[in-house]
């Protein structure tokens, strides 16, 4: 699967709700991070500079969610294709990717009662 297609899928999911991921969670994340920093500062007796605190306290941005989800998706896709390649004794990963994709479509059609 191409990276652009995967990221476009994430964008589509976000647009379904008409709200960005970071908008839904950023304020809560910043508040939680500030609480943790306050506890750490009180436990250690050391104070962070304003710049250091801002660096640690900022919430997760949308681009961070996209990078994380993309890494998970690509890792899982590789593992699935690699396992298919190994278990089916296929000549190469490209063939395994085609085999895996066609098999997934066939199973979806079968589930919907379209095939066979």
N, C-alpha and C. Protein backbone atom coordinates (compact mmCIF):
# COMPACT_ATOMS: atom_id res chain seq x y z
N UNK A 1 0.85 -1.16 0.00
CA UNK A 1 0.00 0.00 0.00
C UNK A 1 0.90 1.23 0.00
N UNK A 2 0.56 2.19 -0.81
CA UNK A 2 1.35 3.40 -0.90
C UNK A 2 1.06 4.31 0.29
N UNK A 3 2.10 5.01 0.73
CA UNK A 3 1.98 5.88 1.90
C UNK A 3 0.92 6.96 1.67
N UNK A 4 0.89 7.56 0.49
CA UNK A 4 -0.09 8.61 0.21
C UNK A 4 -1.52 8.12 0.33
N UNK A 5 -1.77 6.91 -0.12
CA UNK A 5 -3.11 6.34 -0.03
C UNK A 5 -3.49 6.13 1.43
N UNK A 6 -2.56 5.66 2.23
CA UNK A 6 -2.82 5.42 3.65
C UNK A 6 -3.11 6.73 4.37
N UNK A 7 -2.30 7.74 4.12
CA UNK A 7 -2.51 9.03 4.79
C UNK A 7 -3.82 9.65 4.31
N UNK A 8 -4.17 9.47 3.04
CA UNK A 8 -5.46 9.96 2.54
C UNK A 8 -6.61 9.28 3.26
N UNK A 9 -6.45 8.01 3.57
CA UNK A 9 -7.47 7.28 4.33
C UNK A 9 -7.64 7.89 5.72
N UNK A 10 -6.53 8.22 6.37
CA UNK A 10 -6.61 8.85 7.69
C UNK A 10 -7.32 10.20 7.58
N UNK A 11 -7.02 10.95 6.53
CA UNK A 11 -7.67 12.24 6.31
C UNK A 11 -9.18 12.05 6.12
N UNK A 12 -9.56 11.03 5.38
CA UNK A 12 -10.97 10.73 5.16
C UNK A 12 -11.66 10.41 6.49
N UNK A 13 -11.01 9.60 7.33
CA UNK A 13 -11.59 9.28 8.65
C UNK A 13 -11.79 10.55 9.47
N UNK A 14 -10.80 11.42 9.43
CA UNK A 14 -10.89 12.67 10.18
C UNK A 14 -12.05 13.52 9.65
N UNK A 15 -12.20 13.58 8.35
CA UNK A 15 -13.24 14.41 7.75
C UNK A 15 -14.64 13.87 8.01
N UNK A 16 -14.78 12.58 8.25
CA UNK A 16 -16.09 12.03 8.58
C UNK A 16 -16.67 12.68 9.82
N UNK A 17 -15.83 12.99 10.76
CA UNK A 17 -16.30 13.60 12.00
C UNK A 17 -16.24 15.13 11.95
N UNK A 18 -15.64 15.69 10.91
CA UNK A 18 -15.51 17.13 10.74
C UNK A 18 -14.71 17.78 11.87
N UNK A 19 -13.88 16.99 12.53
CA UNK A 19 -13.06 17.50 13.62
C UNK A 19 -11.68 16.87 13.51
N UNK A 20 -10.65 17.68 13.66
CA UNK A 20 -9.30 17.12 13.60
C UNK A 20 -8.97 16.38 14.88
N UNK A 21 -8.06 15.41 14.78
CA UNK A 21 -7.68 14.60 15.93
C UNK A 21 -7.10 15.46 17.05
N UNK A 22 -6.21 16.39 16.69
CA UNK A 22 -5.57 17.19 17.72
C UNK A 22 -6.56 18.14 18.39
N UNK A 23 -7.56 18.58 17.67
CA UNK A 23 -8.57 19.46 18.26
C UNK A 23 -9.38 18.73 19.32
N UNK A 24 -9.58 17.45 19.14
CA UNK A 24 -10.37 16.67 20.10
C UNK A 24 -9.61 16.38 21.38
N UNK A 25 -8.29 16.32 21.32
CA UNK A 25 -7.54 15.83 22.48
C UNK A 25 -6.44 16.76 22.98
N UNK A 26 -6.07 17.77 22.23
CA UNK A 26 -4.87 18.53 22.58
C UNK A 26 -4.96 19.24 23.93
N UNK A 27 -6.07 19.88 24.22
CA UNK A 27 -6.18 20.61 25.49
C UNK A 27 -6.07 19.66 26.68
N UNK A 28 -6.73 18.53 26.61
CA UNK A 28 -6.66 17.55 27.69
C UNK A 28 -5.23 17.02 27.85
N UNK A 29 -4.58 16.76 26.74
CA UNK A 29 -3.21 16.25 26.79
C UNK A 29 -2.26 17.28 27.41
N UNK A 30 -2.41 18.53 27.03
CA UNK A 30 -1.56 19.59 27.60
C UNK A 30 -1.78 19.68 29.11
N UNK A 31 -3.04 19.65 29.54
CA UNK A 31 -3.34 19.71 30.98
C UNK A 31 -2.73 18.52 31.72
N UNK A 32 -2.86 17.32 31.17
CA UNK A 32 -2.27 16.13 31.80
C UNK A 32 -0.76 16.24 31.88
N UNK A 33 -0.14 16.67 30.78
CA UNK A 33 1.32 16.81 30.78
C UNK A 33 1.78 17.86 31.79
N UNK A 34 1.05 18.96 31.91
CA UNK A 34 1.41 19.98 32.89
C UNK A 34 1.30 19.45 34.31
N UNK A 35 0.27 18.64 34.59
CA UNK A 35 0.13 18.04 35.92
C UNK A 35 1.32 17.13 36.24
N UNK A 36 1.70 16.33 35.27
CA UNK A 36 2.84 15.43 35.47
C UNK A 36 4.12 16.23 35.71
N UNK A 37 4.32 17.27 34.91
CA UNK A 37 5.51 18.12 35.11
C UNK A 37 5.50 18.78 36.48
N UNK A 38 4.35 19.26 36.91
CA UNK A 38 4.26 19.88 38.24
C UNK A 38 4.63 18.90 39.35
N UNK A 39 4.14 17.67 39.24
CA UNK A 39 4.46 16.65 40.24
C UNK A 39 5.95 16.34 40.22
N UNK A 40 6.52 16.18 39.04
CA UNK A 40 7.96 15.90 38.94
C UNK A 40 8.79 17.05 39.52
N UNK A 41 8.37 18.28 39.23
CA UNK A 41 9.11 19.42 39.78
C UNK A 41 9.03 19.46 41.30
N UNK A 42 7.86 19.15 41.85
CA UNK A 42 7.73 19.17 43.31
C UNK A 42 8.49 18.01 43.95
N UNK A 43 8.54 16.86 43.27
CA UNK A 43 9.27 15.71 43.82
C UNK A 43 10.78 15.91 43.79
N UNK A 44 11.26 16.56 42.74
CA UNK A 44 12.71 16.73 42.60
C UNK A 44 13.21 18.04 43.17
N UNK A 45 12.30 19.00 43.38
CA UNK A 45 12.72 20.30 43.88
C UNK A 45 13.40 21.14 42.82
N UNK A 46 13.31 20.72 41.57
CA UNK A 46 13.93 21.47 40.47
C UNK A 46 12.84 22.04 39.57
N UNK A 47 13.07 23.21 39.09
CA UNK A 47 12.10 23.87 38.21
C UNK A 47 12.62 23.88 36.78
N UNK A 48 11.73 23.60 35.84
CA UNK A 48 12.07 23.68 34.42
C UNK A 48 11.91 25.12 33.96
N UNK A 49 12.68 25.48 32.94
CA UNK A 49 12.50 26.80 32.35
C UNK A 49 11.18 26.82 31.59
N UNK A 50 10.71 27.99 31.25
CA UNK A 50 9.45 28.12 30.51
C UNK A 50 9.56 27.38 29.18
N UNK A 51 10.71 27.48 28.51
CA UNK A 51 10.91 26.81 27.22
C UNK A 51 10.88 25.29 27.38
N UNK A 52 11.56 24.78 28.42
CA UNK A 52 11.58 23.34 28.66
C UNK A 52 10.18 22.83 28.96
N UNK A 53 9.46 23.56 29.80
CA UNK A 53 8.11 23.13 30.16
C UNK A 53 7.20 23.13 28.94
N UNK A 54 7.31 24.14 28.11
CA UNK A 54 6.49 24.21 26.90
C UNK A 54 6.81 23.06 25.96
N UNK A 55 8.08 22.70 25.86
CA UNK A 55 8.49 21.60 24.99
C UNK A 55 7.87 20.28 25.45
N UNK A 56 7.87 20.02 26.74
CA UNK A 56 7.33 18.78 27.28
C UNK A 56 5.81 18.79 27.38
N UNK A 57 5.22 19.95 27.57
CA UNK A 57 3.80 20.02 27.86
C UNK A 57 2.92 20.01 26.61
N UNK A 58 3.48 20.38 25.46
CA UNK A 58 2.59 20.51 24.28
C UNK A 58 1.90 19.19 23.99
N UNK A 59 0.68 19.29 23.58
CA UNK A 59 -0.12 18.11 23.29
C UNK A 59 0.27 17.48 21.97
N UNK A 60 -0.28 16.33 21.74
CA UNK A 60 -0.04 15.62 20.49
C UNK A 60 -0.70 16.38 19.36
N UNK A 61 0.07 16.62 18.30
CA UNK A 61 -0.47 17.31 17.14
C UNK A 61 -1.00 16.30 16.14
N UNK A 62 -1.81 16.78 15.22
CA UNK A 62 -2.41 15.90 14.22
C UNK A 62 -1.34 15.16 13.43
N UNK A 63 -0.27 15.84 13.10
CA UNK A 63 0.79 15.20 12.33
C UNK A 63 1.43 14.06 13.12
N UNK A 64 1.47 14.18 14.44
CA UNK A 64 2.00 13.09 15.28
C UNK A 64 1.10 11.87 15.21
N UNK A 65 -0.23 12.10 15.24
CA UNK A 65 -1.17 10.99 15.09
C UNK A 65 -1.00 10.30 13.74
N UNK A 66 -0.86 11.11 12.70
CA UNK A 66 -0.72 10.56 11.35
C UNK A 66 0.55 9.73 11.24
N UNK A 67 1.67 10.25 11.74
CA UNK A 67 2.92 9.50 11.68
C UNK A 67 2.84 8.20 12.47
N UNK A 68 2.22 8.25 13.63
CA UNK A 68 2.08 7.05 14.46
C UNK A 68 1.20 6.01 13.78
N UNK A 69 0.04 6.45 13.28
CA UNK A 69 -0.87 5.52 12.62
C UNK A 69 -0.26 4.97 11.35
N UNK A 70 0.46 5.80 10.62
CA UNK A 70 1.10 5.35 9.39
C UNK A 70 2.17 4.29 9.69
N UNK A 71 2.98 4.53 10.71
CA UNK A 71 4.01 3.55 11.08
C UNK A 71 3.37 2.22 11.48
N UNK A 72 2.30 2.27 12.26
CA UNK A 72 1.61 1.04 12.67
C UNK A 72 1.02 0.31 11.47
N UNK A 73 0.38 1.07 10.58
CA UNK A 73 -0.26 0.47 9.40
C UNK A 73 0.77 -0.18 8.49
N UNK A 74 1.86 0.51 8.24
CA UNK A 74 2.88 -0.02 7.33
C UNK A 74 3.58 -1.23 7.95
N UNK A 75 3.82 -1.19 9.25
CA UNK A 75 4.45 -2.32 9.93
C UNK A 75 3.56 -3.55 9.87
N UNK A 76 2.27 -3.34 10.16
CA UNK A 76 1.31 -4.45 10.11
C UNK A 76 1.19 -5.02 8.70
N UNK A 77 1.16 -4.13 7.70
CA UNK A 77 1.04 -4.59 6.30
C UNK A 77 2.27 -5.41 5.92
N UNK A 78 3.45 -4.95 6.31
CA UNK A 78 4.67 -5.70 6.01
C UNK A 78 4.62 -7.08 6.68
N UNK A 79 4.24 -7.11 7.94
CA UNK A 79 4.20 -8.38 8.66
C UNK A 79 3.21 -9.35 8.02
N UNK A 80 2.04 -8.84 7.62
CA UNK A 80 1.04 -9.70 6.96
C UNK A 80 1.58 -10.27 5.65
N UNK A 81 2.19 -9.42 4.83
CA UNK A 81 2.71 -9.88 3.54
C UNK A 81 3.89 -10.83 3.75
N UNK A 82 4.75 -10.52 4.70
CA UNK A 82 5.91 -11.39 4.97
C UNK A 82 5.45 -12.77 5.44
N UNK A 83 4.46 -12.79 6.33
CA UNK A 83 3.92 -14.06 6.81
C UNK A 83 3.29 -14.86 5.66
N UNK A 84 2.57 -14.17 4.79
CA UNK A 84 1.96 -14.81 3.62
C UNK A 84 3.05 -15.39 2.72
N UNK A 85 4.10 -14.62 2.50
CA UNK A 85 5.22 -15.05 1.67
C UNK A 85 5.86 -16.32 2.23
N UNK A 86 6.09 -16.34 3.54
CA UNK A 86 6.70 -17.49 4.20
C UNK A 86 5.78 -18.71 4.17
N UNK A 87 4.53 -18.50 4.55
CA UNK A 87 3.61 -19.64 4.71
C UNK A 87 3.17 -20.24 3.38
N UNK A 88 3.10 -19.45 2.34
CA UNK A 88 2.64 -19.95 1.04
C UNK A 88 3.79 -20.37 0.13
N UNK A 89 5.02 -20.11 0.55
CA UNK A 89 6.18 -20.48 -0.26
C UNK A 89 6.22 -19.76 -1.60
N UNK A 90 5.82 -18.50 -1.61
CA UNK A 90 5.78 -17.72 -2.84
C UNK A 90 7.19 -17.23 -3.20
N UNK A 91 7.43 -16.95 -4.49
CA UNK A 91 8.79 -16.64 -4.93
C UNK A 91 9.35 -15.32 -4.41
N UNK A 92 8.49 -14.33 -4.17
CA UNK A 92 9.00 -13.04 -3.69
C UNK A 92 7.89 -12.28 -2.96
N UNK A 93 8.29 -11.19 -2.32
CA UNK A 93 7.34 -10.39 -1.53
C UNK A 93 6.29 -9.71 -2.42
N UNK A 94 6.67 -9.34 -3.64
CA UNK A 94 5.70 -8.70 -4.54
C UNK A 94 4.56 -9.67 -4.86
N UNK A 95 4.91 -10.89 -5.17
CA UNK A 95 3.89 -11.90 -5.44
C UNK A 95 3.05 -12.14 -4.19
N UNK A 96 3.69 -12.16 -3.04
CA UNK A 96 2.97 -12.35 -1.78
C UNK A 96 1.99 -11.20 -1.53
N UNK A 97 2.39 -9.97 -1.87
CA UNK A 97 1.50 -8.82 -1.69
C UNK A 97 0.27 -8.95 -2.57
N UNK A 98 0.47 -9.37 -3.85
CA UNK A 98 -0.66 -9.58 -4.75
C UNK A 98 -1.56 -10.69 -4.22
N UNK A 99 -0.95 -11.79 -3.81
CA UNK A 99 -1.70 -12.94 -3.29
C UNK A 99 -2.53 -12.51 -2.08
N UNK A 100 -1.89 -11.80 -1.17
CA UNK A 100 -2.56 -11.37 0.06
C UNK A 100 -3.74 -10.45 -0.27
N UNK A 101 -3.52 -9.48 -1.15
CA UNK A 101 -4.57 -8.52 -1.50
C UNK A 101 -5.74 -9.20 -2.20
N UNK A 102 -5.45 -10.07 -3.15
CA UNK A 102 -6.52 -10.76 -3.87
C UNK A 102 -7.30 -11.67 -2.93
N UNK A 103 -6.60 -12.34 -2.04
CA UNK A 103 -7.25 -13.20 -1.06
C UNK A 103 -8.16 -12.39 -0.14
N UNK A 104 -7.72 -11.20 0.27
CA UNK A 104 -8.52 -10.35 1.14
C UNK A 104 -9.80 -9.89 0.42
N UNK A 105 -9.67 -9.52 -0.85
CA UNK A 105 -10.85 -9.12 -1.63
C UNK A 105 -11.81 -10.30 -1.78
N UNK A 106 -11.27 -11.48 -2.07
CA UNK A 106 -12.10 -12.67 -2.24
C UNK A 106 -12.87 -12.99 -0.95
N UNK A 107 -12.21 -12.87 0.20
CA UNK A 107 -12.88 -13.12 1.48
C UNK A 107 -13.98 -12.10 1.73
N UNK A 108 -13.74 -10.84 1.37
CA UNK A 108 -14.75 -9.80 1.54
C UNK A 108 -15.96 -10.09 0.66
N UNK A 109 -15.72 -10.48 -0.59
CA UNK A 109 -16.81 -10.83 -1.49
C UNK A 109 -17.59 -12.02 -0.98
N UNK A 110 -16.87 -13.01 -0.45
CA UNK A 110 -17.52 -14.19 0.09
C UNK A 110 -18.40 -13.83 1.28
N UNK A 111 -17.89 -12.97 2.15
CA UNK A 111 -18.65 -12.51 3.33
C UNK A 111 -19.92 -11.78 2.91
N UNK A 112 -19.84 -11.01 1.84
CA UNK A 112 -21.01 -10.27 1.36
C UNK A 112 -21.96 -11.13 0.53
N UNK A 113 -21.57 -12.36 0.26
CA UNK A 113 -22.41 -13.25 -0.52
C UNK A 113 -22.31 -13.02 -2.02
N UNK A 114 -21.31 -12.29 -2.46
CA UNK A 114 -21.14 -11.99 -3.88
C UNK A 114 -20.42 -13.13 -4.60
N UNK A 115 -19.52 -13.78 -3.89
CA UNK A 115 -18.68 -14.81 -4.49
C UNK A 115 -18.63 -16.00 -3.56
N UNK A 116 -18.62 -17.16 -3.99
CA UNK A 116 -18.88 -17.74 -5.31
C UNK A 116 -20.35 -17.97 -5.53
